[in-house]
Amino acid sequence: MAAQPTSKQTAVQTPKGAWQITFLLFLFMLVNFADKIVVGLAGVPIVTELKLQPQQFGLLGSSFFFLFSISAIVVGFIANRVPARWVLLVLALIWALAQFPMVGTVGLTTLLICRVILGAGEGPAFSVAAHAIYKWFPDEKRTLPTAILSQGSAFGVIVAVPALNWVIVNHNWHYAFGALGVVGLLWALAWLVLGKEGPLAEVSSMQAVEPKIPYARLLTSRTFIGCIAATFGAYWALSLGLTWFTPFIVRGLGFSQQQAGFISILPWVFGATIVLLTGWISQVMMTRGVSTRGARGVLGAAPLVVGGAILATLPYAHSTGLQIALLVAGTGLSGSIYVVCPPMIGEFTPVSQRGAMIAIYGALYTLSGIIAPAVMGSVIQHSATLLDGYFTGFTINAAILAASGLLGLLLLWPNTERARLAGQSVATHPTVVPAKACESRDPYRVMWL
């Protein structure tokens, strides 16, 4: 039988420096999403200069994700063996260097190649960053740091959109890419000086005491499949926002590029609020004894269903203000799932396999990033009017959001998943290691022994 952690074992103090690392990784994700949003923000100037059709611009939006998933899986396995500090540094350098070619005169081919390279560098970003943070916080304290990490995406847009839009309006879109390259280099320098590896659950030491679980069992577990299904829908909405939100505001609703820069912030402000609330509420629920099924699974999946229902009403709204409000609310609610899924996967995954599992999760759900922008571009190009095309594309998004949320509600049971897989692990590895053997590393993992 698996040993249960005692109160003494679970009273783990957060190591000194944990919040400094969290802040640095928050900035890491801020740069990450500023890099993502720039093509959508500069969409109209890019389309005008390069004379692109909607399908071509949709292809440009999708190109970012061509190697995104493959890279996420490969680097995820590397992160199991290489300190996260160095993996993160290399990723940041790739991002920065991929931006500089756009400073000069470029065609669609060069732009596509650079976005593919950037996507390969950014694919593993969140999973490796989450894996790094989990080396600084025990399981019951991971939801809030995960929420803060996720907020790097929202603040990346909130901070970057006005600044980059100012560059686009007052200079040109080429310099916006160059500015992001410089920012990426500055973060890499700061991380080189201040970044450290977390003291909890060091993989090399845990491998000796923690039995592994076959990846086939982990990848086919109900909760893992539920996380992929739920986040697939959320990322469909996010990738549309990255590529098509600003063009919709400018060409669909008739706002100027300068006005669109401010309006484009709204979904991310609302999404940031949802993510922080989800992280805080989840942690409060857990401290009050609510199971992770409720405090993570239901809390993360239910807003997807509500968001899909809201987004489905968009074509029936007759004022631009209401249309923007519905789009902001419908897509923003989906942010809740990003906060809860990595901790849920961490609940039932051995530490030595966690980096790869979170990376595989990220690789699979972000496949929607390849599909969604291209689908929207095709729908727009083949619709009777531009606005009809946008509304049809967002209706498709609404159906996918609602379906993904329902699948999440059905499949996300991390507490029972942990018990089931732990029982299988003990049956496969009957040797029980005393809890003291891992007290100094990660006492939360004694549930596996």
Protein backbone atom coordinates (compact mmCIF):
# COMPACT_ATOMS: atom_id res chain seq x y z
CA MET A 1 0.00 0.00 0.00
CA ALA A 2 1.20 3.52 -0.79
CA ALA A 3 2.40 5.46 2.20
CA GLN A 4 0.36 8.56 2.96
CA PRO A 5 2.21 11.82 3.65
CA THR A 6 2.04 12.98 7.23
CA SER A 7 1.45 16.58 8.23
CA LYS A 8 5.11 16.89 9.11
CA GLN A 9 6.11 15.67 5.68
CA THR A 10 3.72 17.92 3.83
CA ALA A 11 4.68 21.10 5.72
CA VAL A 12 7.17 22.14 3.04
CA GLN A 13 8.46 25.69 3.12
CA THR A 14 8.83 27.57 -0.16
CA PRO A 15 12.59 27.90 -0.80
CA LYS A 16 14.20 31.31 -0.69
CA GLY A 17 14.37 32.85 -4.13
CA ALA A 18 11.30 31.03 -5.46
CA TRP A 19 9.35 34.21 -6.13
CA GLN A 20 12.31 35.88 -7.83
CA ILE A 21 12.48 32.96 -10.26
CA THR A 22 8.70 33.14 -10.71
CA PHE A 23 8.99 36.82 -11.65
CA LEU A 24 11.77 36.13 -14.14
CA LEU A 25 9.74 33.38 -15.75
CA PHE A 26 6.71 35.67 -15.79
CA LEU A 27 8.84 38.07 -17.86
CA PHE A 28 9.93 35.11 -20.00
CA MET A 29 6.30 34.41 -20.90
CA LEU A 30 5.68 38.13 -21.39
CA VAL A 31 8.34 38.20 -24.12
CA ASN A 32 6.97 34.93 -25.49
CA PHE A 33 3.50 36.31 -26.10
CA ALA A 34 4.71 39.68 -27.34
CA ASP A 35 6.55 37.68 -30.02
CA LYS A 36 3.35 35.80 -30.83
CA ILE A 37 1.04 38.82 -31.09
CA VAL A 38 3.16 41.00 -33.37
CA VAL A 39 2.00 39.39 -36.64
CA GLY A 40 -1.66 39.81 -35.75
CA LEU A 41 -1.11 43.36 -34.53
CA ALA A 42 0.72 44.30 -37.72
CA GLY A 43 -1.64 42.20 -39.82
CA VAL A 44 -3.16 44.98 -41.90
CA PRO A 45 0.18 46.70 -42.73
CA ILE A 46 1.74 43.31 -43.56
CA VAL A 47 -1.19 42.31 -45.80
CA THR A 48 -1.07 45.70 -47.52
CA GLU A 49 2.69 45.76 -48.12
CA LEU A 50 2.99 42.13 -49.21
CA LYS A 51 -0.39 42.12 -51.03
CA LEU A 52 -1.58 38.97 -49.25
CA GLN A 53 -4.93 37.20 -49.63
CA PRO A 54 -6.81 36.09 -46.47
CA GLN A 55 -5.72 32.48 -47.00
CA GLN A 56 -2.07 33.57 -47.28
CA PHE A 57 -2.31 35.57 -44.07
CA GLY A 58 -4.00 32.60 -42.41
CA LEU A 59 -1.05 30.46 -43.54
CA LEU A 60 1.33 33.00 -42.01
CA GLY A 61 -0.54 32.76 -38.71
CA SER A 62 -0.47 28.97 -38.82
CA SER A 63 3.23 28.78 -39.80
CA PHE A 64 4.25 29.73 -36.28
CA PHE A 65 2.90 26.36 -35.13
CA PHE A 66 4.40 24.11 -37.84
CA LEU A 67 7.30 22.96 -35.61
CA PHE A 68 5.76 24.17 -32.35
CA SER A 69 4.50 20.76 -31.20
CA ILE A 70 7.46 18.70 -32.42
CA SER A 71 9.88 21.05 -30.69
CA ALA A 72 7.81 20.99 -27.49
CA ILE A 73 8.04 17.19 -27.27
CA VAL A 74 11.75 16.97 -28.12
CA VAL A 75 12.75 19.73 -25.72
CA GLY A 76 10.42 18.32 -23.06
CA PHE A 77 12.42 15.09 -22.97
CA ILE A 78 15.65 17.11 -22.97
CA ALA A 79 14.32 19.03 -19.94
CA ASN A 80 14.09 15.72 -18.06
CA ARG A 81 17.90 15.48 -18.17
CA VAL A 82 19.26 18.99 -18.76
CA PRO A 83 18.80 21.71 -16.10
CA ALA A 84 15.86 23.93 -17.00
CA ARG A 85 18.05 27.00 -16.51
CA TRP A 86 20.06 26.25 -19.65
CA VAL A 87 17.11 25.07 -21.72
CA LEU A 88 15.28 28.34 -21.05
CA LEU A 89 18.34 30.40 -21.96
CA VAL A 90 18.73 28.68 -25.35
CA LEU A 91 15.02 29.14 -26.11
CA ALA A 92 15.18 32.87 -25.37
CA LEU A 93 18.19 33.32 -27.66
CA ILE A 94 16.38 31.56 -30.51
CA TRP A 95 13.41 33.90 -30.10
CA ALA A 96 15.57 36.99 -30.21
CA LEU A 97 17.62 35.96 -33.24
CA ALA A 98 14.55 34.93 -35.23
CA GLN A 99 13.16 38.48 -35.09
CA PHE A 100 16.03 40.45 -36.59
CA PRO A 101 15.68 39.40 -40.28
CA MET A 102 12.30 41.19 -40.41
CA VAL A 103 13.94 44.56 -39.78
CA GLY A 104 14.92 44.72 -43.45
CA THR A 105 12.85 44.29 -46.59
CA VAL A 106 11.33 40.80 -46.63
CA GLY A 107 8.89 38.76 -48.67
CA LEU A 108 6.31 36.25 -47.55
CA THR A 109 8.80 33.36 -47.77
CA THR A 110 11.32 34.97 -45.39
CA LEU A 111 8.54 35.94 -43.01
CA LEU A 112 7.20 32.38 -43.04
CA ILE A 113 10.64 30.84 -42.38
CA CYS A 114 11.35 33.18 -39.47
CA ARG A 115 7.94 32.48 -37.91
CA VAL A 116 8.50 28.72 -38.22
CA ILE A 117 11.88 29.06 -36.46
CA LEU A 118 10.35 31.30 -33.80
CA GLY A 119 7.58 28.77 -33.24
CA ALA A 120 10.13 25.97 -32.83
CA GLY A 121 11.83 28.05 -30.14
CA GLU A 122 8.62 29.00 -28.38
CA GLY A 123 6.88 25.62 -28.52
CA PRO A 124 8.49 24.28 -25.33
CA ALA A 125 8.37 27.63 -23.49
CA PHE A 126 5.43 27.21 -21.12
CA SER A 127 6.03 23.54 -20.34
CA VAL A 128 9.72 24.05 -19.54
CA ALA A 129 8.94 27.17 -17.51
CA ALA A 130 6.24 25.31 -15.54
CA HIS A 131 8.62 22.40 -14.97
CA ALA A 132 11.22 24.88 -13.70
CA ILE A 133 8.75 26.55 -11.33
CA TYR A 134 7.62 23.21 -9.92
CA LYS A 135 11.19 22.69 -8.70
CA TRP A 136 10.60 25.69 -6.39
CA PHE A 137 7.08 24.98 -5.07
CA PRO A 138 5.51 21.83 -3.51
CA ASP A 139 2.32 20.51 -5.10
CA GLU A 140 -0.26 22.31 -2.93
CA LYS A 141 1.42 25.68 -3.63
CA ARG A 142 1.78 25.37 -7.41
CA THR A 143 -1.53 26.75 -8.67
CA LEU A 144 -0.81 30.41 -7.91
CA PRO A 145 2.72 30.38 -9.41
CA THR A 146 1.24 28.66 -12.47
CA ALA A 147 -1.37 31.42 -12.70
CA ILE A 148 1.35 34.07 -12.46
CA LEU A 149 3.36 32.29 -15.14
CA SER A 150 0.27 32.18 -17.37
CA GLN A 151 -0.22 35.89 -16.79
CA GLY A 152 3.03 36.54 -18.60
CA SER A 153 0.99 35.88 -21.74
CA ALA A 154 -1.68 38.43 -20.89
CA PHE A 155 0.76 41.08 -19.73
CA GLY A 156 2.93 40.37 -22.76
CA VAL A 157 0.01 41.56 -24.84
CA ILE A 158 -1.12 44.33 -22.48
CA VAL A 159 2.38 45.84 -22.31
CA ALA A 160 3.53 45.05 -25.82
CA VAL A 161 0.46 46.02 -27.84
CA PRO A 162 0.54 49.79 -27.10
CA ALA A 163 4.32 49.92 -27.47
CA LEU A 164 4.49 47.85 -30.65
CA ASN A 165 1.45 49.56 -32.13
CA TRP A 166 3.13 52.93 -31.54
CA VAL A 167 6.16 51.69 -33.47
CA ILE A 168 3.93 50.36 -36.28
CA VAL A 169 1.89 53.57 -36.56
CA ASN A 170 4.81 56.03 -36.24
CA HIS A 171 7.53 54.07 -38.02
CA ASN A 172 6.72 50.71 -39.65
CA TRP A 173 5.99 47.11 -38.79
CA HIS A 174 9.57 45.99 -39.52
CA TYR A 175 10.96 47.86 -36.50
CA ALA A 176 8.41 46.23 -34.21
CA PHE A 177 10.08 42.87 -34.87
CA GLY A 178 13.52 44.37 -34.23
CA ALA A 179 12.39 45.81 -30.89
CA LEU A 180 11.23 42.36 -29.80
CA GLY A 181 14.61 40.89 -30.73
CA VAL A 182 16.38 43.40 -28.47
CA VAL A 183 13.99 42.69 -25.58
CA GLY A 184 14.60 38.96 -25.97
CA LEU A 185 18.36 39.45 -25.72
CA LEU A 186 17.94 41.56 -22.58
CA TRP A 187 15.88 38.83 -20.89
CA ALA A 188 18.47 36.21 -21.81
CA LEU A 189 21.18 38.32 -20.19
CA ALA A 190 19.12 38.77 -17.01
CA TRP A 191 18.41 35.03 -16.82
CA LEU A 192 22.07 34.16 -17.34
CA VAL A 193 22.94 36.28 -14.30
CA LEU A 194 19.95 35.56 -12.00
CA GLY A 195 18.42 32.27 -13.15
CA LYS A 196 18.86 29.21 -10.91
CA GLU A 197 17.70 25.61 -10.73
CA GLY A 198 15.10 24.85 -8.06
CA PRO A 199 16.12 22.76 -5.00
CA LEU A 200 12.93 20.65 -4.83
CA ALA A 201 12.57 17.35 -6.64
CA GLU A 202 15.91 17.33 -8.37
CA VAL A 203 15.46 14.77 -11.11
CA SER A 204 18.79 13.00 -10.70
CA SER A 205 18.16 12.30 -7.02
CA MET A 206 14.50 11.42 -7.39
CA GLN A 207 15.16 8.77 -10.04
CA ALA A 208 16.74 6.59 -7.37
CA VAL A 209 13.68 6.51 -5.12
CA GLU A 210 10.67 7.16 -7.34
CA PRO A 211 9.29 4.42 -9.60
CA LYS A 212 8.56 5.46 -13.16
CA ILE A 213 5.24 4.82 -14.86
CA PRO A 214 5.15 3.67 -18.50
CA TYR A 215 4.40 6.61 -20.77
CA ALA A 216 1.63 4.59 -22.41
CA ARG A 217 -0.28 4.64 -19.10
CA LEU A 218 0.34 8.31 -18.48
CA LEU A 219 -0.58 9.39 -22.01
CA THR A 220 -3.80 7.36 -22.06
CA SER A 221 -4.91 8.38 -18.59
CA ARG A 222 -8.35 9.97 -18.48
CA THR A 223 -7.18 13.25 -16.98
CA PHE A 224 -4.33 13.70 -19.46
CA ILE A 225 -6.71 13.19 -22.38
CA GLY A 226 -9.17 15.57 -20.71
CA CYS A 227 -6.50 18.26 -20.37
CA ILE A 228 -5.61 17.99 -24.05
CA ALA A 229 -9.26 18.12 -25.15
CA ALA A 230 -10.14 21.08 -22.93
CA THR A 231 -7.04 23.13 -23.71
CA PHE A 232 -7.31 22.39 -27.45
CA GLY A 233 -10.49 24.45 -27.54
CA ALA A 234 -9.03 27.21 -25.41
CA TYR A 235 -5.97 27.46 -27.64
CA TRP A 236 -8.16 27.60 -30.74
CA ALA A 237 -9.59 30.82 -29.33
CA LEU A 238 -6.18 32.11 -28.31
CA SER A 239 -4.56 31.49 -31.71
CA LEU A 240 -7.44 33.27 -33.44
CA GLY A 241 -6.91 36.18 -31.09
CA LEU A 242 -3.20 36.28 -31.87
CA THR A 243 -3.71 36.32 -35.64
CA TRP A 244 -7.16 37.63 -36.47
CA PHE A 245 -8.45 39.85 -33.63
CA THR A 246 -6.77 43.08 -34.77
CA PRO A 247 -7.62 42.57 -38.48
CA PHE A 248 -11.23 41.94 -37.41
CA ILE A 249 -11.27 45.21 -35.47
CA VAL A 250 -9.76 47.18 -38.37
CA ARG A 251 -11.28 45.60 -41.47
CA GLY A 252 -14.36 43.95 -40.01
CA LEU A 253 -15.56 46.69 -37.64
CA GLY A 254 -13.93 49.73 -39.26
CA PHE A 255 -11.65 51.01 -36.50
CA SER A 256 -8.29 52.63 -37.25
CA GLN A 257 -4.98 50.87 -36.60
CA GLN A 258 -4.33 53.19 -33.66
CA GLN A 259 -7.76 52.52 -32.12
CA ALA A 260 -7.35 48.79 -32.71
CA GLY A 261 -4.14 48.84 -30.71
CA PHE A 262 -6.05 49.81 -27.57
CA ILE A 263 -9.06 47.58 -28.27
CA SER A 264 -6.77 44.58 -28.82
CA ILE A 265 -5.70 44.78 -25.18
CA LEU A 266 -9.20 44.14 -23.84
CA PRO A 267 -9.35 40.33 -24.25
CA TRP A 268 -6.03 39.98 -22.47
CA VAL A 269 -6.99 42.24 -19.57
CA PHE A 270 -10.16 40.21 -19.07
CA GLY A 271 -8.28 36.95 -19.57
CA ALA A 272 -5.65 38.01 -17.02
CA THR A 273 -8.39 38.63 -14.48
CA ILE A 274 -9.91 35.20 -15.14
CA VAL A 275 -6.56 33.44 -14.82
CA LEU A 276 -5.60 35.14 -11.55
CA LEU A 277 -9.06 34.52 -10.09
CA THR A 278 -8.89 30.87 -11.12
CA GLY A 279 -5.49 30.43 -9.49
CA TRP A 280 -6.58 32.13 -6.28
CA ILE A 281 -9.96 30.37 -6.04
CA SER A 282 -8.38 27.00 -6.78
CA GLN A 283 -5.85 27.38 -3.99
CA VAL A 284 -8.51 28.57 -1.52
CA MET A 285 -10.72 25.59 -2.39
CA MET A 286 -7.84 23.17 -1.87
CA THR A 287 -6.95 24.65 1.52
CA ARG A 288 -10.58 24.07 2.52
CA GLY A 289 -10.39 20.41 1.61
CA VAL A 290 -12.02 20.42 -1.82
CA SER A 291 -10.65 17.65 -4.05
CA THR A 292 -8.58 18.56 -7.06
CA ARG A 293 -11.44 17.23 -9.19
CA GLY A 294 -13.47 20.25 -8.08
CA ALA A 295 -10.72 22.77 -7.31
CA ARG A 296 -8.91 22.18 -10.59
CA GLY A 297 -10.93 20.05 -13.01
CA VAL A 298 -14.42 21.56 -12.74
CA LEU A 299 -13.11 25.06 -12.05
CA GLY A 300 -11.02 24.99 -15.22
CA ALA A 301 -13.45 23.30 -17.62
CA ALA A 302 -16.82 24.90 -16.78
CA PRO A 303 -15.82 28.41 -17.99
CA LEU A 304 -15.08 26.95 -21.45
CA VAL A 305 -18.71 25.88 -21.82
CA VAL A 306 -19.93 29.30 -20.68
CA GLY A 307 -17.46 31.05 -22.99
CA GLY A 308 -18.60 29.01 -25.98
CA ALA A 309 -22.24 29.88 -25.27
CA ILE A 310 -21.40 33.60 -25.08
CA LEU A 311 -19.34 33.53 -28.27
CA ALA A 312 -22.18 31.79 -30.15
CA THR A 313 -24.33 34.93 -29.73
CA LEU A 314 -21.78 37.19 -31.48
CA PRO A 315 -23.39 37.12 -34.98
CA TYR A 316 -26.71 38.28 -33.49
CA ALA A 317 -25.31 41.41 -31.81
CA HIS A 318 -25.99 44.58 -33.81
CA SER A 319 -23.65 47.12 -32.20
CA THR A 320 -19.87 47.09 -32.47
CA GLY A 321 -19.51 47.68 -28.73
CA LEU A 322 -21.59 44.61 -27.89
CA GLN A 323 -19.77 42.52 -30.50
CA ILE A 324 -16.42 43.39 -28.95
CA ALA A 325 -17.75 42.70 -25.44
CA LEU A 326 -19.06 39.26 -26.42
CA LEU A 327 -15.82 38.36 -28.18
CA VAL A 328 -13.76 39.50 -25.19
CA ALA A 329 -15.88 37.64 -22.64
CA GLY A 330 -16.35 34.48 -24.67
CA THR A 331 -12.68 33.96 -25.45
CA GLY A 332 -11.34 35.37 -22.17
CA LEU A 333 -13.13 32.80 -20.01
CA SER A 334 -11.12 30.03 -21.67
CA GLY A 335 -7.98 31.18 -19.83
CA SER A 336 -9.04 29.26 -16.72
CA ILE A 337 -7.91 25.92 -18.14
CA TYR A 338 -4.27 26.96 -18.54
CA VAL A 339 -3.93 27.47 -14.79
CA VAL A 340 -5.20 24.09 -13.68
CA CYS A 341 -4.00 21.56 -16.25
CA PRO A 342 -0.21 21.63 -15.62
CA PRO A 343 -0.70 21.15 -11.85
CA MET A 344 -3.19 18.34 -12.53
CA ILE A 345 -0.67 16.57 -14.76
CA GLY A 346 1.98 17.15 -12.09
CA GLU A 347 -0.29 15.45 -9.53
CA PHE A 348 -0.07 12.01 -11.10
CA THR A 349 3.23 12.20 -13.03
CA PRO A 350 6.52 11.14 -11.40
CA VAL A 351 8.95 14.05 -11.13
CA SER A 352 11.48 12.41 -13.43
CA GLN A 353 8.85 12.27 -16.19
CA ARG A 354 7.04 15.53 -15.50
CA GLY A 355 8.98 17.75 -17.91
CA ALA A 356 8.24 15.46 -20.83
CA MET A 357 4.57 14.99 -19.90
CA ILE A 358 3.85 18.70 -19.61
CA ALA A 359 5.71 19.22 -22.90
CA ILE A 360 3.68 16.51 -24.68
CA TYR A 361 0.51 18.05 -23.29
CA GLY A 362 1.55 21.44 -24.68
CA ALA A 363 2.55 19.93 -28.02
CA LEU A 364 -0.82 18.25 -28.52
CA TYR A 365 -3.19 21.02 -27.51
CA THR A 366 -1.30 23.65 -29.51
CA LEU A 367 -2.02 21.70 -32.71
CA SER A 368 -5.16 23.82 -32.80
CA GLY A 369 -2.83 26.76 -33.45
CA ILE A 370 -1.98 25.26 -36.84
CA ILE A 371 -5.62 24.70 -37.75
CA ALA A 372 -7.52 27.71 -36.37
CA PRO A 373 -5.86 30.66 -38.22
CA ALA A 374 -5.91 28.75 -41.53
CA VAL A 375 -9.58 27.79 -41.09
CA MET A 376 -10.50 31.40 -40.36
CA GLY A 377 -8.57 32.61 -43.43
CA SER A 378 -10.29 30.07 -45.67
CA VAL A 379 -13.74 30.85 -44.26
CA ILE A 380 -13.23 34.60 -44.78
CA GLN A 381 -11.96 34.18 -48.33
CA HIS A 382 -14.93 32.01 -49.34
CA SER A 383 -17.67 34.02 -47.59
CA ALA A 384 -20.05 36.42 -49.30
CA THR A 385 -18.81 39.34 -47.21
CA LEU A 386 -15.82 39.93 -44.97
CA LEU A 387 -17.97 40.32 -41.86
CA ASP A 388 -19.92 37.14 -42.61
CA GLY A 389 -16.61 35.30 -42.82
CA TYR A 390 -15.49 36.55 -39.42
CA PHE A 391 -18.82 35.67 -37.80
CA THR A 392 -18.77 32.16 -39.26
CA GLY A 393 -15.21 31.65 -38.04
CA PHE A 394 -16.08 32.79 -34.52
CA THR A 395 -19.18 30.55 -34.50
CA ILE A 396 -16.96 27.57 -35.29
CA ASN A 397 -14.77 28.68 -32.40
CA ALA A 398 -17.82 28.81 -30.09
CA ALA A 399 -18.78 25.21 -30.89
CA ILE A 400 -15.22 23.97 -30.32
CA LEU A 401 -14.95 25.84 -27.00
CA ALA A 402 -18.21 24.41 -25.66
CA ALA A 403 -17.36 20.86 -26.77
CA SER A 404 -13.88 21.02 -25.25
CA GLY A 405 -15.31 22.25 -21.95
CA LEU A 406 -17.82 19.41 -21.82
CA LEU A 407 -15.06 16.88 -22.47
CA GLY A 408 -13.05 18.46 -19.67
CA LEU A 409 -15.94 18.15 -17.23
CA LEU A 410 -16.30 14.51 -18.18
CA LEU A 411 -12.64 13.49 -18.05
CA LEU A 412 -10.76 15.62 -15.50
CA TRP A 413 -10.39 13.50 -12.33
CA PRO A 414 -6.78 14.07 -11.16
CA ASN A 415 -7.30 12.84 -7.59
CA THR A 416 -8.53 9.41 -8.64
CA GLU A 417 -5.98 9.32 -11.46
CA ARG A 418 -3.18 9.72 -8.96
CA ALA A 419 -4.48 6.92 -6.78
CA ARG A 420 -4.99 4.56 -9.73
CA LEU A 421 -1.57 5.13 -11.28
CA ALA A 422 0.16 5.05 -7.89
CA GLY A 423 -1.44 1.68 -7.19
CA GLN A 424 -0.26 0.34 -10.54
CA SER A 425 3.23 1.68 -9.85
CA VAL A 426 3.41 0.02 -6.45
CA ALA A 427 2.20 -3.24 -7.99
CA THR A 428 4.96 -3.01 -10.57
CA HIS A 429 7.60 -1.81 -8.07
CA PRO A 430 6.76 -3.50 -4.74
CA THR A 431 9.83 -2.20 -2.92
CA VAL A 432 8.77 0.51 -0.49
CA VAL A 433 11.31 3.22 0.24
CA PRO A 434 11.04 4.93 3.64
CA ALA A 435 9.55 8.38 3.48
CA LYS A 436 12.69 9.84 5.04
CA ALA A 437 14.58 8.91 1.90
CA CYS A 438 12.96 11.77 0.04
CA GLU A 439 12.08 14.23 2.80
CA SER A 440 14.93 16.51 1.82
CA ARG A 441 13.97 16.42 -1.85
CA ASP A 442 10.20 16.57 -2.35
CA PRO A 443 8.05 15.13 0.43
CA TYR A 444 4.99 15.42 -1.76
CA ARG A 445 6.25 12.58 -3.84
CA VAL A 446 6.10 10.03 -0.99
CA MET A 447 2.60 9.22 -2.21
CA TRP A 448 4.36 7.29 -4.95
CA LEU A 449 6.31 5.08 -2.59
